[in-house]
Protein backbone atom coordinates (compact mmCIF):
# COMPACT_ATOMS: atom_id res chain seq x y z
CA MET A 1 -19.30 -1.78 22.20
CA THR A 2 -17.81 -5.01 23.55
CA ASN A 3 -14.67 -4.12 25.68
CA THR A 4 -14.06 -6.85 27.25
CA LYS A 5 -13.40 -8.58 23.76
CA LEU A 6 -11.49 -5.53 22.82
CA GLN A 7 -13.57 -5.16 19.61
CA PHE A 8 -16.08 -2.49 18.52
CA GLY A 9 -17.74 -2.27 14.93
CA LYS A 10 -15.86 -4.22 11.92
CA ILE A 11 -13.04 -4.94 13.65
CA ARG A 12 -11.18 -6.67 17.21
CA PHE A 13 -7.91 -6.08 18.94
CA ARG A 14 -5.63 -9.12 19.67
CA ALA A 15 -1.84 -9.82 21.03
CA LEU A 16 0.83 -10.14 18.88
CA GLU A 17 1.61 -13.72 18.43
CA PRO A 18 4.92 -15.65 17.96
CA GLU A 19 2.87 -16.40 13.62
CA ASP A 20 2.68 -12.62 13.28
CA ILE A 21 6.50 -12.42 12.32
CA ASP A 22 5.81 -12.91 8.45
CA LEU A 23 2.78 -10.65 8.36
CA LEU A 24 5.10 -7.83 10.22
CA TYR A 25 8.32 -8.49 8.52
CA GLU A 26 5.85 -7.47 5.01
CA TRP A 27 4.88 -4.77 7.17
CA GLU A 28 7.94 -3.31 8.65
CA ASN A 29 9.70 -3.87 5.33
CA ASP A 30 6.93 -2.20 2.73
CA ALA A 31 9.05 1.20 1.82
CA GLU A 32 6.51 2.67 -0.01
CA ILE A 33 5.32 3.27 4.28
CA TRP A 34 8.94 3.90 6.30
CA GLU A 35 8.41 7.88 5.52
CA VAL A 36 5.26 7.99 7.79
CA SER A 37 6.43 5.72 10.17
CA ASN A 38 10.14 7.20 10.63
CA THR A 39 11.43 4.07 9.44
CA LEU A 40 14.84 3.78 7.35
CA GLU A 41 16.34 0.79 7.19
CA PRO A 42 14.69 -2.77 6.62
CA PHE A 43 14.04 -4.91 9.70
CA SER A 44 15.55 -8.73 10.10
CA LYS A 45 12.79 -11.23 10.87
CA TYR A 46 15.28 -12.24 13.92
CA ILE A 47 14.66 -8.43 15.58
CA LEU A 48 11.08 -8.82 14.78
CA ALA A 49 10.75 -12.44 16.61
CA LYS A 50 12.99 -10.18 19.20
CA TYR A 51 9.96 -7.84 19.33
CA ILE A 52 7.22 -9.73 19.44
CA LYS A 53 8.69 -11.59 22.58
CA GLU A 54 9.28 -8.34 23.74
CA SER A 55 5.59 -7.42 23.18
CA GLN A 56 4.14 -9.26 26.71
CA ARG A 57 6.21 -7.26 28.89
CA ASP A 58 3.22 -4.99 30.06
CA ILE A 59 3.25 -1.64 28.58
CA TYR A 60 4.07 0.10 32.45
CA GLU A 61 7.49 -1.20 31.86
CA SER A 62 7.66 -1.51 28.13
CA LYS A 63 6.22 2.23 27.47
CA GLN A 64 4.03 0.84 24.08
CA VAL A 65 2.03 -1.10 23.20
CA ARG A 66 0.84 -3.18 19.44
CA MET A 67 -1.98 -4.70 18.99
CA ILE A 68 -2.85 -6.60 16.03
CA ILE A 69 -6.55 -4.72 13.71
CA GLU A 70 -8.42 -7.84 12.77
CA THR A 71 -11.50 -8.55 11.03
CA LEU A 72 -14.35 -10.20 12.92
CA GLU A 73 -13.35 -12.67 10.36
CA SER A 74 -9.58 -13.00 11.95
CA ARG A 75 -8.09 -11.61 8.99
CA ALA A 76 -5.41 -9.28 10.19
CA ILE A 77 -5.46 -6.11 8.15
CA GLY A 78 -3.09 -3.56 10.09
CA ALA A 79 -2.08 -2.69 13.31
CA ILE A 80 -2.22 -0.47 16.37
CA ASP A 81 0.56 1.45 18.72
CA LEU A 82 0.34 3.16 21.58
CA PHE A 83 3.87 4.65 22.26
CA ASP A 84 5.88 6.78 24.67
CA PHE A 85 3.19 6.16 27.11
CA ASP A 86 4.00 8.52 30.50
CA PRO A 87 2.15 7.34 33.22
CA PHE A 88 2.44 10.18 35.18
CA HIS A 89 0.94 12.77 33.17
CA PHE A 90 -1.44 9.71 31.96
CA ARG A 91 -0.48 10.32 28.16
CA ALA A 92 -0.02 8.26 25.13
CA GLY A 93 0.76 8.66 21.40
CA VAL A 94 -0.88 6.87 18.49
CA GLY A 95 0.08 5.01 15.85
CA ILE A 96 -2.43 3.41 13.34
CA LEU A 97 -2.33 1.41 10.10
CA ILE A 98 -4.33 -0.29 7.26
CA HIS A 99 -1.69 -2.20 5.17
CA ASP A 100 -3.82 -2.52 2.32
CA GLU A 101 -5.16 0.22 -0.13
CA LYS A 102 -8.43 -2.49 -0.31
CA ASP A 103 -9.03 -2.11 3.06
CA ARG A 104 -8.58 1.26 3.30
CA LYS A 105 -11.80 3.57 3.73
CA LEU A 106 -13.85 0.99 4.89
CA GLY A 107 -13.95 2.65 8.22
CA TYR A 108 -11.65 -0.26 9.96
CA ALA A 109 -9.16 2.87 10.82
CA THR A 110 -12.36 4.77 12.35
CA ASP A 111 -13.27 2.00 14.44
CA ALA A 112 -10.08 0.87 15.48
CA LEU A 113 -9.24 4.40 17.12
CA GLN A 114 -12.37 4.91 18.72
CA LEU A 115 -11.43 1.60 20.58
CA LEU A 116 -8.48 2.61 21.08
CA CYS A 117 -9.58 5.93 22.62
CA THR A 118 -12.14 3.81 24.74
CA TYR A 119 -9.19 1.16 26.03
CA ALA A 120 -6.77 4.05 27.13
CA ALA A 121 -9.66 5.66 28.97
CA ASN A 122 -11.32 2.84 30.56
CA TYR A 123 -8.49 0.21 31.21
CA LEU A 124 -5.21 2.50 31.28
CA ARG A 125 -7.29 5.59 32.57
CA LEU A 126 -5.37 8.02 30.39
CA HIS A 127 -6.18 11.32 29.46
CA GLN A 128 -4.87 12.04 26.71
CA LEU A 129 -4.00 10.58 23.58
CA TYR A 130 -2.16 12.44 21.05
CA ALA A 131 -0.59 11.66 17.19
CA ASN A 132 1.87 12.87 15.14
CA ILE A 133 0.86 13.41 11.54
CA SER A 134 3.09 14.66 8.23
CA GLU A 135 0.96 17.62 6.87
CA GLU A 136 0.78 15.97 3.61
CA ASN A 137 -0.97 13.14 4.83
CA THR A 138 -4.59 13.84 4.80
CA ALA A 139 -6.39 10.44 5.38
CA SER A 140 -4.94 10.38 9.01
CA ILE A 141 -5.71 14.11 9.57
CA GLN A 142 -9.44 13.60 8.16
CA LEU A 143 -9.46 10.29 10.53
CA PHE A 144 -7.83 11.88 13.76
CA THR A 145 -10.23 14.71 13.12
CA ASN A 146 -13.03 13.01 12.19
CA ASN A 147 -12.47 11.23 15.78
CA GLY A 148 -12.30 14.21 18.31
CA PHE A 149 -8.45 15.17 18.06
CA GLU A 150 -7.34 18.35 17.53
CA LEU A 151 -4.76 19.98 15.87
CA CYS A 152 -2.36 21.99 18.69
CA GLY A 153 0.49 22.70 17.11
CA THR A 154 2.68 22.72 13.57
CA LYS A 155 6.32 21.95 14.24
CA LYS A 156 7.70 23.22 10.53
CA ASP A 157 10.42 21.64 8.67
CA TRP A 158 10.28 18.59 11.31
CA ARG A 159 10.72 15.61 8.46
CA ASN A 160 13.31 15.10 5.85
CA THR A 161 12.13 13.67 3.59
CA ALA A 162 13.20 12.62 -0.40
CA ASN A 163 10.27 15.34 -1.49
CA GLY A 164 12.26 18.44 1.13
CA TRP A 165 11.46 19.49 4.30
CA LYS A 166 7.79 18.86 5.53
CA ALA A 167 6.30 20.51 8.36
CA GLU A 168 4.65 17.03 11.18
CA LEU A 169 1.34 18.47 12.72
CA MET A 170 0.43 17.24 16.12
CA PHE A 171 -3.39 16.67 17.44
CA GLN A 172 -4.42 15.34 21.10
CA LYS A 173 -7.63 14.65 22.82
CA ILE A 174 -8.80 15.06 25.84
CA LEU A 175 -10.07 11.47 26.66
C-alpha cells in the first residue's frame, strides 16, 4: 500500500478541486441516490462552489473531509467522506459513493474503504469508524461487513422514505 499518495489497489484519493464543480453538481443532484444521502432538494452550483472552497479547511475545524475517488488513470468515479469527526473520542462516520452503475462491483469501493481505514488509523489516529446504512442497501451492507465493520445496532423506522419507514443499521469498526 502506498499511503504517501493515498493510493491502494485500483484507486487513489485526491482533494476536491474547483474543477470538480460539474462533477459534484451531477452527483449531488442525482435524485436516485438522494435517499441514501438524506438529500431533499437539488444543490446549486453556487452552494457547491462554496462547499469546495470550504473543503480546504482542516478536518479539526470542519469536522469532515470529502475526497474524490479516482482510478489510477485519473478518472473520477466517486467520493468518500469522513463526517461527524470527533477528535475527543477519536471516531468519525463514513460515507461512500461510486456513482455510475458500470463502475460498481469492480472492487473500487472495497479498495477505497480499505484505504480510508488506513488513512483514518495512521494519519488521523482514529480509534473507530461507523456507517449508517439503510436495511435495504444490501450492497453497502456487504461492502462494510466484508471490510471488518460489525453490525452494532438497528434504528427502527428511522428513515421516512417514499416507500414507507425503513430501519437504519449502524456498523462500526475498531481500527
